Amino acid sequence: MNIKELEPIGFCKGVKNAIEIVSSLSKEKVFLVSSIVHNKKVNLDLLKNNNVEFLKDDTVFGPSSHNTLVYSAHTGIEKKLNHNIYNSFNHVFTTCNIIKKNYKTALDASKDGKVIFVGKKNHPESEYFKTINNLYLITNCDDLNKLEFDKNDKIYIISQTTYNTELYEKIKNKAAQLYPFLINLGGTCNEFVKRLRSISVLDDCEVLLVIGDTTSSNSIELLEKGKNNKTIKESILIENADDIIKNLKLMKRYQNIAYTSATSASYSDVSEIIDYLKKCLNAI
């Protein structure tokens, strides 16, 4: 059995930064407004610190000057909270630098024309960008038909950082047919694109393991990329060791396995899962 690592794996810079920010606040009472990143294990690890917990309706607060609200790496907007006590809290954002840059780019463009944001409904990044005036969220090609733009309008298009790159190209190309002066702003995370490309060129493995959380957008997109590669017979999302057990018999049918990870999966967790896989294979 051959097991191949597809580089890069492990956390991206944005995830590392978010975790470091929360960890640096250990002397304060920290309330997470939502999951910091789309990885349940990472969030649980943060909660092991006695000063960190999720914000709930029945949360009991200490002196407000020592309370901090921390926001997800996918957003840059404060949560609307009813209680006046929140006004005196410290508000800390862990927003990914690429999302920050894309947001500023889209904001500047919105002052000059109309912006099409291609992303997933209800994703925190999409919700963040929807705060921009003259920005329109679309999720597929059909949504373009709902836009009532003049073909001579100045129109920009930008992508969610972890949106399906092939679908974005299709949407962008259709938009360019409708609007001749369309300006592409890009937006996709380069770290994410590298992982997609490593799967696209894979031609010597029958099984692809995507190690990541089921709530992660890029986990799902990496998995779909594997399913679209004709060389790969089985694409499997692995969240933990239990998923190795569940899929072990299936993997044993083949000789060559490749693995990659979502950008919110740590290198150590990936290594631990792969080591466990190797032990299981040797035991059969």
C-alpha atoms as a PDB file:
ATOM      1  CA  MET A   1       0.000   0.000   0.000  1.00  0.00           C
ATOM      2  CA  ASN A   2       1.382   3.397  -1.032  1.00  0.00           C
ATOM      3  CA  ILE A   3       0.342   6.516   0.864  1.00  0.00           C
ATOM      4  CA  LYS A   4       1.123   9.902  -0.669  1.00  0.00           C
ATOM      5  CA  GLU A   5       0.940  13.345   0.905  1.00  0.00           C
ATOM      6  CA  LEU A   6      -0.316  16.202  -1.271  1.00  0.00           C
ATOM      7  CA  GLU A   7       1.321  19.462  -0.270  1.00  0.00           C
ATOM      8  CA  PRO A   8       0.479  21.799   1.327  1.00  0.00           C
ATOM      9  CA  ILE A   9      -1.355  20.415   4.354  1.00  0.00           C
ATOM     10  CA  GLY A  10      -2.120  21.810   7.803  1.00  0.00           C
ATOM     11  CA  PHE A  11      -3.371  25.212   8.895  1.00  0.00           C
ATOM     12  CA  CYS A  12      -3.315  28.184   6.567  1.00  0.00           C
ATOM     13  CA  LYS A  13      -1.994  31.516   7.904  1.00  0.00           C
ATOM     14  CA  GLY A  14      -5.494  32.822   8.592  1.00  0.00           C
ATOM     15  CA  VAL A  15      -6.399  29.902  10.843  1.00  0.00           C
ATOM     16  CA  LYS A  16      -3.058  30.068  12.665  1.00  0.00           C
ATOM     17  CA  ASN A  17      -3.570  33.773  13.250  1.00  0.00           C
ATOM     18  CA  ALA A  18      -7.094  33.299  14.634  1.00  0.00           C
ATOM     19  CA  ILE A  19      -5.968  30.616  17.089  1.00  0.00           C
ATOM     20  CA  GLU A  20      -2.997  32.714  18.223  1.00  0.00           C
ATOM     21  CA  ILE A  21      -5.263  35.716  18.868  1.00  0.00           C
ATOM     22  CA  VAL A  22      -7.634  33.702  21.082  1.00  0.00           C
ATOM     23  CA  SER A  23      -4.724  32.050  22.905  1.00  0.00           C
ATOM     24  CA  SER A  24      -3.149  35.446  23.615  1.00  0.00           C
ATOM     25  CA  LEU A  25      -6.305  36.511  25.482  1.00  0.00           C
ATOM     26  CA  SER A  26      -5.961  33.771  28.099  1.00  0.00           C
ATOM     27  CA  LYS A  27      -5.776  36.268  31.003  1.00  0.00           C
ATOM     28  CA  GLU A  28      -9.195  37.671  30.115  1.00  0.00           C
ATOM     29  CA  LYS A  29     -12.652  36.105  30.184  1.00  0.00           C
ATOM     30  CA  VAL A  30     -13.246  35.246  26.536  1.00  0.00           C
ATOM     31  CA  PHE A  31     -16.608  34.572  24.931  1.00  0.00           C
ATOM     32  CA  LEU A  32     -16.621  33.131  21.422  1.00  0.00           C
ATOM     33  CA  VAL A  33     -19.519  34.612  19.454  1.00  0.00           C
ATOM     34  CA  SER A  34     -19.324  31.604  17.117  1.00  0.00           C
ATOM     35  CA  SER A  35     -16.817  28.968  16.050  1.00  0.00           C
ATOM     36  CA  ILE A  36     -13.478  30.663  15.444  1.00  0.00           C
ATOM     37  CA  VAL A  37     -12.726  28.345  12.517  1.00  0.00           C
ATOM     38  CA  HIS A  38     -14.658  25.518  10.887  1.00  0.00           C
ATOM     39  CA  ASN A  39     -13.079  22.738  12.899  1.00  0.00           C
ATOM     40  CA  LYS A  40     -14.877  21.313  15.936  1.00  0.00           C
ATOM     41  CA  LYS A  41     -11.690  19.909  17.470  1.00  0.00           C
ATOM     42  CA  VAL A  42      -9.875  23.239  17.244  1.00  0.00           C
ATOM     43  CA  ASN A  43     -12.765  25.036  18.922  1.00  0.00           C
ATOM     44  CA  LEU A  44     -12.970  22.388  21.656  1.00  0.00           C
ATOM     45  CA  ASP A  45      -9.225  22.725  22.269  1.00  0.00           C
ATOM     46  CA  LEU A  46      -9.697  26.471  22.747  1.00  0.00           C
ATOM     47  CA  LEU A  47     -12.542  25.824  25.179  1.00  0.00           C
ATOM     48  CA  LYS A  48     -10.273  23.694  27.367  1.00  0.00           C
ATOM     49  CA  ASN A  49      -8.894  26.984  28.622  1.00  0.00           C
ATOM     50  CA  ASN A  50     -11.121  27.823  31.612  1.00  0.00           C
ATOM     51  CA  ASN A  51     -11.350  31.447  30.499  1.00  0.00           C
ATOM     52  CA  VAL A  52     -12.847  30.621  27.085  1.00  0.00           C
ATOM     53  CA  GLU A  53     -16.455  29.659  26.387  1.00  0.00           C
ATOM     54  CA  PHE A  54     -19.148  30.094  23.750  1.00  0.00           C
ATOM     55  CA  LEU A  55     -21.531  33.002  24.185  1.00  0.00           C
ATOM     56  CA  LYS A  56     -25.002  31.720  25.109  1.00  0.00           C
ATOM     57  CA  ASP A  57     -28.321  33.312  26.032  1.00  0.00           C
ATOM     58  CA  ASP A  58     -27.888  32.246  29.666  1.00  0.00           C
ATOM     59  CA  THR A  59     -24.206  33.169  29.978  1.00  0.00           C
ATOM     60  CA  VAL A  60     -23.263  34.654  33.356  1.00  0.00           C
ATOM     61  CA  PHE A  61     -20.782  37.519  33.097  1.00  0.00           C
ATOM     62  CA  GLY A  62     -18.175  38.843  35.460  1.00  0.00           C
ATOM     63  CA  PRO A  63     -17.044  42.495  35.635  1.00  0.00           C
ATOM     64  CA  SER A  64     -17.600  43.829  32.087  1.00  0.00           C
ATOM     65  CA  SER A  65     -14.163  45.455  31.855  1.00  0.00           C
ATOM     66  CA  HIS A  66     -12.627  41.983  31.878  1.00  0.00           C
ATOM     67  CA  ASN A  67     -14.943  40.396  29.286  1.00  0.00           C
ATOM     68  CA  THR A  68     -13.973  39.977  25.657  1.00  0.00           C
ATOM     69  CA  LEU A  69     -16.128  38.943  22.698  1.00  0.00           C
ATOM     70  CA  VAL A  70     -14.167  37.185  19.964  1.00  0.00           C
ATOM     71  CA  TYR A  71     -15.447  36.860  16.413  1.00  0.00           C
ATOM     72  CA  SER A  72     -14.895  34.241  13.724  1.00  0.00           C
ATOM     73  CA  ALA A  73     -11.998  34.361  11.254  1.00  0.00           C
ATOM     74  CA  HIS A  74     -14.623  34.650   8.491  1.00  0.00           C
ATOM     75  CA  THR A  75     -16.216  37.927   9.536  1.00  0.00           C
ATOM     76  CA  GLY A  76     -15.474  41.521  10.446  1.00  0.00           C
ATOM     77  CA  ILE A  77     -18.866  42.654  11.746  1.00  0.00           C
ATOM     78  CA  GLU A  78     -20.043  42.834  15.334  1.00  0.00           C
ATOM     79  CA  LYS A  79     -22.943  40.655  16.372  1.00  0.00           C
ATOM     80  CA  LYS A  80     -26.081  42.608  17.255  1.00  0.00           C
ATOM     81  CA  LEU A  81     -26.635  41.874  20.919  1.00  0.00           C
ATOM     82  CA  ASN A  82     -29.572  43.026  23.015  1.00  0.00           C
ATOM     83  CA  HIS A  83     -28.065  43.459  26.451  1.00  0.00           C
ATOM     84  CA  ASN A  84     -26.452  46.837  27.206  1.00  0.00           C
ATOM     85  CA  ILE A  85     -23.651  45.100  29.096  1.00  0.00           C
ATOM     86  CA  TYR A  86     -22.087  44.134  25.759  1.00  0.00           C
ATOM     87  CA  ASN A  87     -21.339  47.776  24.984  1.00  0.00           C
ATOM     88  CA  SER A  88     -18.550  47.814  27.565  1.00  0.00           C
ATOM     89  CA  PHE A  89     -16.983  44.550  26.394  1.00  0.00           C
ATOM     90  CA  ASN A  90     -13.783  44.339  24.388  1.00  0.00           C
ATOM     91  CA  HIS A  91     -14.560  43.250  20.825  1.00  0.00           C
ATOM     92  CA  VAL A  92     -11.777  41.279  19.128  1.00  0.00           C
ATOM     93  CA  PHE A  93     -11.813  40.139  15.511  1.00  0.00           C
ATOM     94  CA  THR A  94      -9.754  37.257  14.171  1.00  0.00           C
ATOM     95  CA  THR A  95     -10.611  38.040  10.541  1.00  0.00           C
ATOM     96  CA  CYS A  96      -8.404  36.328   7.958  1.00  0.00           C
ATOM     97  CA  ASN A  97      -6.086  38.859   6.276  1.00  0.00           C
ATOM     98  CA  ILE A  98      -7.137  37.665   2.825  1.00  0.00           C
ATOM     99  CA  ILE A  99     -10.802  38.235   3.682  1.00  0.00           C
ATOM    100  CA  LYS A 100      -9.896  41.686   5.027  1.00  0.00           C
ATOM    101  CA  LYS A 101      -8.081  42.515   1.791  1.00  0.00           C
ATOM    102  CA  ASN A 102     -10.934  41.190  -0.367  1.00  0.00           C
ATOM    103  CA  TYR A 103     -13.477  43.137   1.664  1.00  0.00           C
ATOM    104  CA  LYS A 104     -11.573  46.403   1.179  1.00  0.00           C
ATOM    105  CA  THR A 105     -11.222  45.660  -2.541  1.00  0.00           C
ATOM    106  CA  ALA A 106     -14.964  45.026  -2.862  1.00  0.00           C
ATOM    107  CA  LEU A 107     -15.803  48.087  -0.745  1.00  0.00           C
ATOM    108  CA  ASP A 108     -13.650  50.344  -2.945  1.00  0.00           C
ATOM    109  CA  ALA A 109     -15.180  48.846  -6.082  1.00  0.00           C
ATOM    110  CA  SER A 110     -18.710  49.408  -4.750  1.00  0.00           C
ATOM    111  CA  LYS A 111     -18.038  53.151  -4.652  1.00  0.00           C
ATOM    112  CA  ASP A 112     -17.243  53.067  -8.349  1.00  0.00           C
ATOM    113  CA  GLY A 113     -19.811  50.575  -9.621  1.00  0.00           C
ATOM    114  CA  LYS A 114     -21.746  47.427  -8.745  1.00  0.00           C
ATOM    115  CA  VAL A 115     -20.133  44.337  -7.227  1.00  0.00           C
ATOM    116  CA  ILE A 116     -21.143  40.715  -7.777  1.00  0.00           C
ATOM    117  CA  PHE A 117     -20.027  38.555  -4.861  1.00  0.00           C
ATOM    118  CA  VAL A 118     -19.949  34.844  -5.694  1.00  0.00           C
ATOM    119  CA  GLY A 119     -20.316  32.838  -2.519  1.00  0.00           C
ATOM    120  CA  LYS A 120     -22.408  30.473  -0.440  1.00  0.00           C
ATOM    121  CA  LYS A 121     -25.637  31.564   1.196  1.00  0.00           C
ATOM    122  CA  ASN A 122     -25.494  31.913   4.975  1.00  0.00           C
ATOM    123  CA  HIS A 123     -21.721  31.466   5.068  1.00  0.00           C
ATOM    124  CA  PRO A 124     -20.263  34.011   7.543  1.00  0.00           C
ATOM    125  CA  GLU A 125     -17.947  35.397   4.850  1.00  0.00           C
ATOM    126  CA  SER A 126     -20.902  35.992   2.518  1.00  0.00           C
ATOM    127  CA  GLU A 127     -22.861  37.631   5.349  1.00  0.00           C
ATOM    128  CA  TYR A 128     -19.898  39.907   6.024  1.00  0.00           C
ATOM    129  CA  PHE A 129     -19.656  41.043   2.402  1.00  0.00           C
ATOM    130  CA  LYS A 130     -23.407  41.645   2.228  1.00  0.00           C
ATOM    131  CA  THR A 131     -22.870  44.666   4.500  1.00  0.00           C
ATOM    132  CA  ILE A 132     -21.394  46.481   1.471  1.00  0.00           C
ATOM    133  CA  ASN A 133     -23.749  48.731  -0.475  1.00  0.00           C
ATOM    134  CA  ASN A 134     -24.091  47.961  -4.202  1.00  0.00           C
ATOM    135  CA  LEU A 135     -22.903  44.388  -3.605  1.00  0.00           C
ATOM    136  CA  TYR A 136     -25.023  41.473  -4.806  1.00  0.00           C
ATOM    137  CA  LEU A 137     -24.598  37.891  -3.591  1.00  0.00           C
ATOM    138  CA  ILE A 138     -25.046  35.147  -6.166  1.00  0.00           C
ATOM    139  CA  THR A 139     -24.468  31.432  -5.691  1.00  0.00           C
ATOM    140  CA  ASN A 140     -24.786  30.059  -9.243  1.00  0.00           C
ATOM    141  CA  CYS A 141     -25.120  30.993 -12.921  1.00  0.00           C
ATOM    142  CA  ASP A 142     -28.913  31.206 -12.753  1.00  0.00           C
ATOM    143  CA  ASP A 143     -28.688  33.957 -10.154  1.00  0.00           C
ATOM    144  CA  LEU A 144     -27.115  36.216 -12.796  1.00  0.00           C
ATOM    145  CA  ASN A 145     -30.467  36.352 -14.572  1.00  0.00           C
ATOM    146  CA  LYS A 146     -32.005  37.957 -11.490  1.00  0.00           C
ATOM    147  CA  LEU A 147     -29.671  40.942 -11.647  1.00  0.00           C
ATOM    148  CA  GLU A 148     -31.161  44.003 -13.279  1.00  0.00           C
ATOM    149  CA  PHE A 149     -27.974  45.721 -14.401  1.00  0.00           C
ATOM    150  CA  ASP A 150     -27.477  47.749 -17.550  1.00  0.00           C
ATOM    151  CA  LYS A 151     -24.945  46.082 -19.838  1.00  0.00           C
ATOM    152  CA  ASN A 152     -22.965  49.323 -19.913  1.00  0.00           C
ATOM    153  CA  ASP A 153     -22.724  49.559 -16.123  1.00  0.00           C
ATOM    154  CA  LYS A 154     -19.316  49.295 -14.485  1.00  0.00           C
ATOM    155  CA  ILE A 155     -19.495  45.914 -12.797  1.00  0.00           C
ATOM    156  CA  TYR A 156     -16.996  44.024 -10.682  1.00  0.00           C
ATOM    157  CA  ILE A 157     -17.004  40.364  -9.686  1.00  0.00           C
ATOM    158  CA  ILE A 158     -15.242  38.774  -6.705  1.00  0.00           C
ATOM    159  CA  SER A 159     -15.268  35.316  -5.129  1.00  0.00           C
ATOM    160  CA  GLN A 160     -15.612  33.937  -1.618  1.00  0.00           C
ATOM    161  CA  THR A 161     -12.142  32.753  -0.571  1.00  0.00           C
ATOM    162  CA  THR A 162     -13.121  29.062  -0.549  1.00  0.00           C
ATOM    163  CA  TYR A 163     -15.688  28.999  -3.341  1.00  0.00           C
ATOM    164  CA  ASN A 164     -15.578  26.289  -6.038  1.00  0.00           C
ATOM    165  CA  THR A 165     -13.011  27.692  -8.491  1.00  0.00           C
ATOM    166  CA  GLU A 166     -14.418  25.930 -11.559  1.00  0.00           C
ATOM    167  CA  LEU A 167     -17.932  27.170 -10.823  1.00  0.00           C
ATOM    168  CA  TYR A 168     -16.585  30.669 -10.240  1.00  0.00           C
ATOM    169  CA  GLU A 169     -14.990  30.596 -13.691  1.00  0.00           C
ATOM    170  CA  LYS A 170     -18.300  29.548 -15.259  1.00  0.00           C
ATOM    171  CA  ILE A 171     -20.186  32.292 -13.431  1.00  0.00           C
ATOM    172  CA  LYS A 172     -17.539  34.873 -14.300  1.00  0.00           C
ATOM    173  CA  ASN A 173     -17.557  33.893 -17.983  1.00  0.00           C
ATOM    174  CA  LYS A 174     -21.349  34.083 -18.189  1.00  0.00           C
ATOM    175  CA  ALA A 175     -21.303  37.440 -16.409  1.00  0.00           C
ATOM    176  CA  ALA A 176     -18.723  38.688 -18.933  1.00  0.00           C
ATOM    177  CA  GLN A 177     -21.107  37.771 -21.763  1.00  0.00           C
ATOM    178  CA  LEU A 178     -23.908  39.740 -20.117  1.00  0.00           C
ATOM    179  CA  TYR A 179     -21.742  42.677 -19.065  1.00  0.00           C
ATOM    180  CA  PRO A 180     -18.889  43.493 -21.498  1.00  0.00           C
ATOM    181  CA  PHE A 181     -17.140  45.824 -19.044  1.00  0.00           C
ATOM    182  CA  LEU A 182     -16.979  43.287 -16.219  1.00  0.00           C
ATOM    183  CA  ILE A 183     -13.836  43.529 -14.076  1.00  0.00           C
ATOM    184  CA  ASN A 184     -12.635  40.386 -12.303  1.00  0.00           C
ATOM    185  CA  LEU A 185     -11.292  40.982  -8.782  1.00  0.00           C
ATOM    186  CA  GLY A 186     -10.455  37.325  -8.072  1.00  0.00           C
ATOM    187  CA  GLY A 187     -10.766  36.622  -4.371  1.00  0.00           C
ATOM    188  CA  THR A 188     -10.022  32.915  -4.001  1.00  0.00           C
ATOM    189  CA  CYS A 189      -7.439  32.046  -1.332  1.00  0.00           C
ATOM    190  CA  ASN A 190      -4.125  30.981  -2.933  1.00  0.00           C
ATOM    191  CA  GLU A 191      -3.528  28.411  -0.189  1.00  0.00           C
ATOM    192  CA  PHE A 192      -6.871  26.827  -1.055  1.00  0.00           C
ATOM    193  CA  VAL A 193      -6.107  26.953  -4.786  1.00  0.00           C
ATOM    194  CA  LYS A 194      -2.793  25.132  -4.259  1.00  0.00           C
ATOM    195  CA  ARG A 195      -4.640  22.261  -2.590  1.00  0.00           C
ATOM    196  CA  LEU A 196      -7.185  22.113  -5.389  1.00  0.00           C
ATOM    197  CA  ARG A 197      -4.425  21.978  -7.995  1.00  0.00           C
ATOM    198  CA  SER A 198      -2.604  19.182  -6.191  1.00  0.00           C
ATOM    199  CA  ILE A 199      -5.779  17.108  -6.549  1.00  0.00           C
ATOM    200  CA  SER A 200      -6.363  18.142 -10.179  1.00  0.00           C
ATOM    201  CA  VAL A 201      -2.968  16.840 -11.326  1.00  0.00           C
ATOM    202  CA  LEU A 202      -3.119  13.651  -9.259  1.00  0.00           C
ATOM    203  CA  ASP A 203      -2.827  10.728 -11.683  1.00  0.00           C
ATOM    204  CA  ASP A 204      -1.358   7.843  -9.678  1.00  0.00           C
ATOM    205  CA  CYS A 205      -3.784   7.238  -6.799  1.00  0.00           C
ATOM    206  CA  GLU A 206      -7.177   5.550  -6.649  1.00  0.00           C
ATOM    207  CA  VAL A 207      -8.190   6.914  -3.243  1.00  0.00           C
ATOM    208  CA  LEU A 208      -8.179  10.499  -1.985  1.00  0.00           C
ATOM    209  CA  LEU A 209      -8.554  11.287   1.713  1.00  0.00           C
ATOM    210  CA  VAL A 210      -9.552  14.839   2.598  1.00  0.00           C
ATOM    211  CA  ILE A 211      -8.790  15.395   6.271  1.00  0.00           C
ATOM    212  CA  GLY A 212     -11.002  18.130   7.625  1.00  0.00           C
ATOM    213  CA  ASP A 213     -14.201  19.087   9.373  1.00  0.00           C
ATOM    214  CA  THR A 214     -17.635  18.411   7.893  1.00  0.00           C
ATOM    215  CA  THR A 215     -18.553  22.061   8.550  1.00  0.00           C
ATOM    216  CA  SER A 216     -15.611  23.380   6.533  1.00  0.00           C
ATOM    217  CA  SER A 217     -16.420  24.858   3.128  1.00  0.00           C
ATOM    218  CA  ASN A 218     -12.995  24.043   1.736  1.00  0.00           C
ATOM    219  CA  SER A 219     -13.206  20.444   3.014  1.00  0.00           C
ATOM    220  CA  ILE A 220     -16.304  19.985   0.868  1.00  0.00           C
ATOM    221  CA  GLU A 221     -14.750  21.697  -2.154  1.00  0.00           C
ATOM    222  CA  LEU A 222     -11.582  19.582  -1.920  1.00  0.00           C
ATOM    223  CA  LEU A 223     -13.736  16.478  -1.699  1.00  0.00           C
ATOM    224  CA  GLU A 224     -15.704  17.512  -4.799  1.00  0.00           C
ATOM    225  CA  LYS A 225     -12.458  18.185  -6.645  1.00  0.00           C
ATOM    226  CA  GLY A 226     -11.419  14.603  -5.946  1.00  0.00           C
ATOM    227  CA  LYS A 227     -14.737  13.269  -7.212  1.00  0.00           C
ATOM    228  CA  ASN A 228     -14.200  15.155 -10.477  1.00  0.00           C
ATOM    229  CA  ASN A 229     -10.769  13.587 -11.037  1.00  0.00           C
ATOM    230  CA  LYS A 230     -11.341  10.493 -13.214  1.00  0.00           C
ATOM    231  CA  THR A 231      -8.227   8.759 -11.872  1.00  0.00           C
ATOM    232  CA  ILE A 232      -9.599   8.827  -8.322  1.00  0.00           C
ATOM    233  CA  LYS A 233     -12.097   6.059  -7.622  1.00  0.00           C
ATOM    234  CA  GLU A 234     -12.960   7.002  -4.030  1.00  0.00           C
ATOM    235  CA  SER A 235     -12.899  10.438  -2.386  1.00  0.00           C
ATOM    236  CA  ILE A 236     -13.437  10.262   1.371  1.00  0.00           C
ATOM    237  CA  LEU A 237     -13.802  12.987   3.993  1.00  0.00           C
ATOM    238  CA  ILE A 238     -11.937  12.036   7.166  1.00  0.00           C
ATOM    239  CA  GLU A 239     -12.772  14.015  10.287  1.00  0.00           C
ATOM    240  CA  ASN A 240     -11.214  11.704  12.870  1.00  0.00           C
ATOM    241  CA  ALA A 241      -9.900   8.189  13.516  1.00  0.00           C
ATOM    242  CA  ASP A 242     -13.421   6.752  13.556  1.00  0.00           C
ATOM    243  CA  ASP A 243     -13.750   7.614   9.870  1.00  0.00           C
ATOM    244  CA  ILE A 244     -10.616   5.556   9.160  1.00  0.00           C
ATOM    245  CA  ILE A 245     -12.264   2.498  10.727  1.00  0.00           C
ATOM    246  CA  LYS A 246     -15.488   3.079   8.811  1.00  0.00           C
ATOM    247  CA  ASN A 247     -13.687   3.227   5.457  1.00  0.00           C
ATOM    248  CA  LEU A 248     -10.830   0.785   6.049  1.00  0.00           C
ATOM    249  CA  LYS A 249     -12.272  -2.107   4.021  1.00  0.00           C
ATOM    250  CA  LEU A 250     -12.960   0.221   1.118  1.00  0.00           C
ATOM    251  CA  MET A 251      -9.415   1.593   1.165  1.00  0.00           C
ATOM    252  CA  LYS A 252      -7.955  -1.924   1.263  1.00  0.00           C
ATOM    253  CA  ARG A 253      -9.316  -2.566  -2.237  1.00  0.00           C
ATOM    254  CA  TYR A 254      -6.737  -0.211  -3.696  1.00  0.00           C
ATOM    255  CA  GLN A 255      -2.968   0.124  -3.731  1.00  0.00           C
ATOM    256  CA  ASN A 256      -2.455   3.884  -3.838  1.00  0.00           C
ATOM    257  CA  ILE A 257      -3.857   6.448  -1.414  1.00  0.00           C
ATOM    258  CA  ALA A 258      -3.278  10.203  -1.430  1.00  0.00           C
ATOM    259  CA  TYR A 259      -4.266  12.619   1.291  1.00  0.00           C
ATOM    260  CA  THR A 260      -4.704  16.361   1.658  1.00  0.00           C
ATOM    261  CA  SER A 261      -6.240  18.537   4.349  1.00  0.00           C
ATOM    262  CA  ALA A 262      -8.591  21.455   4.747  1.00  0.00           C
ATOM    263  CA  THR A 263      -6.923  24.717   5.727  1.00  0.00           C
ATOM    264  CA  SER A 264      -8.520  24.431   9.190  1.00  0.00           C
ATOM    265  CA  ALA A 265      -6.963  21.027   9.940  1.00  0.00           C
ATOM    266  CA  SER A 266      -3.684  21.108  11.876  1.00  0.00           C
ATOM    267  CA  TYR A 267      -0.542  19.363  10.670  1.00  0.00           C
ATOM    268  CA  SER A 268      -0.333  17.412  13.933  1.00  0.00           C
ATOM    269  CA  ASP A 269      -3.922  16.161  13.629  1.00  0.00           C
ATOM    270  CA  VAL A 270      -3.337  15.145  10.006  1.00  0.00           C
ATOM    271  CA  SER A 271      -0.153  13.286  10.967  1.00  0.00           C
ATOM    272  CA  GLU A 272      -1.930  11.534  13.830  1.00  0.00           C
ATOM    273  CA  ILE A 273      -4.734  10.324  11.548  1.00  0.00           C
ATOM    274  CA  ILE A 274      -2.326   9.116   8.862  1.00  0.00           C
ATOM    275  CA  ASP A 275      -0.178   7.306  11.439  1.00  0.00           C
ATOM    276  CA  TYR A 276      -3.334   5.606  12.691  1.00  0.00           C
ATOM    277  CA  LEU A 277      -4.254   4.642   9.126  1.00  0.00           C
ATOM    278  CA  LYS A 278      -0.828   3.035   8.612  1.00  0.00           C
ATOM    279  CA  LYS A 279      -1.142   1.039  11.837  1.00  0.00           C
ATOM    280  CA  CYS A 280      -4.601  -0.176  10.820  1.00  0.00           C
ATOM    281  CA  LEU A 281      -3.372  -1.243   7.382  1.00  0.00           C
ATOM    282  CA  ASN A 282      -0.464  -3.157   8.874  1.00  0.00           C
ATOM    283  CA  ALA A 283      -2.807  -4.918  11.289  1.00  0.00           C
ATOM    284  CA  ILE A 284      -4.979  -6.352   8.512  1.00  0.00           C
END
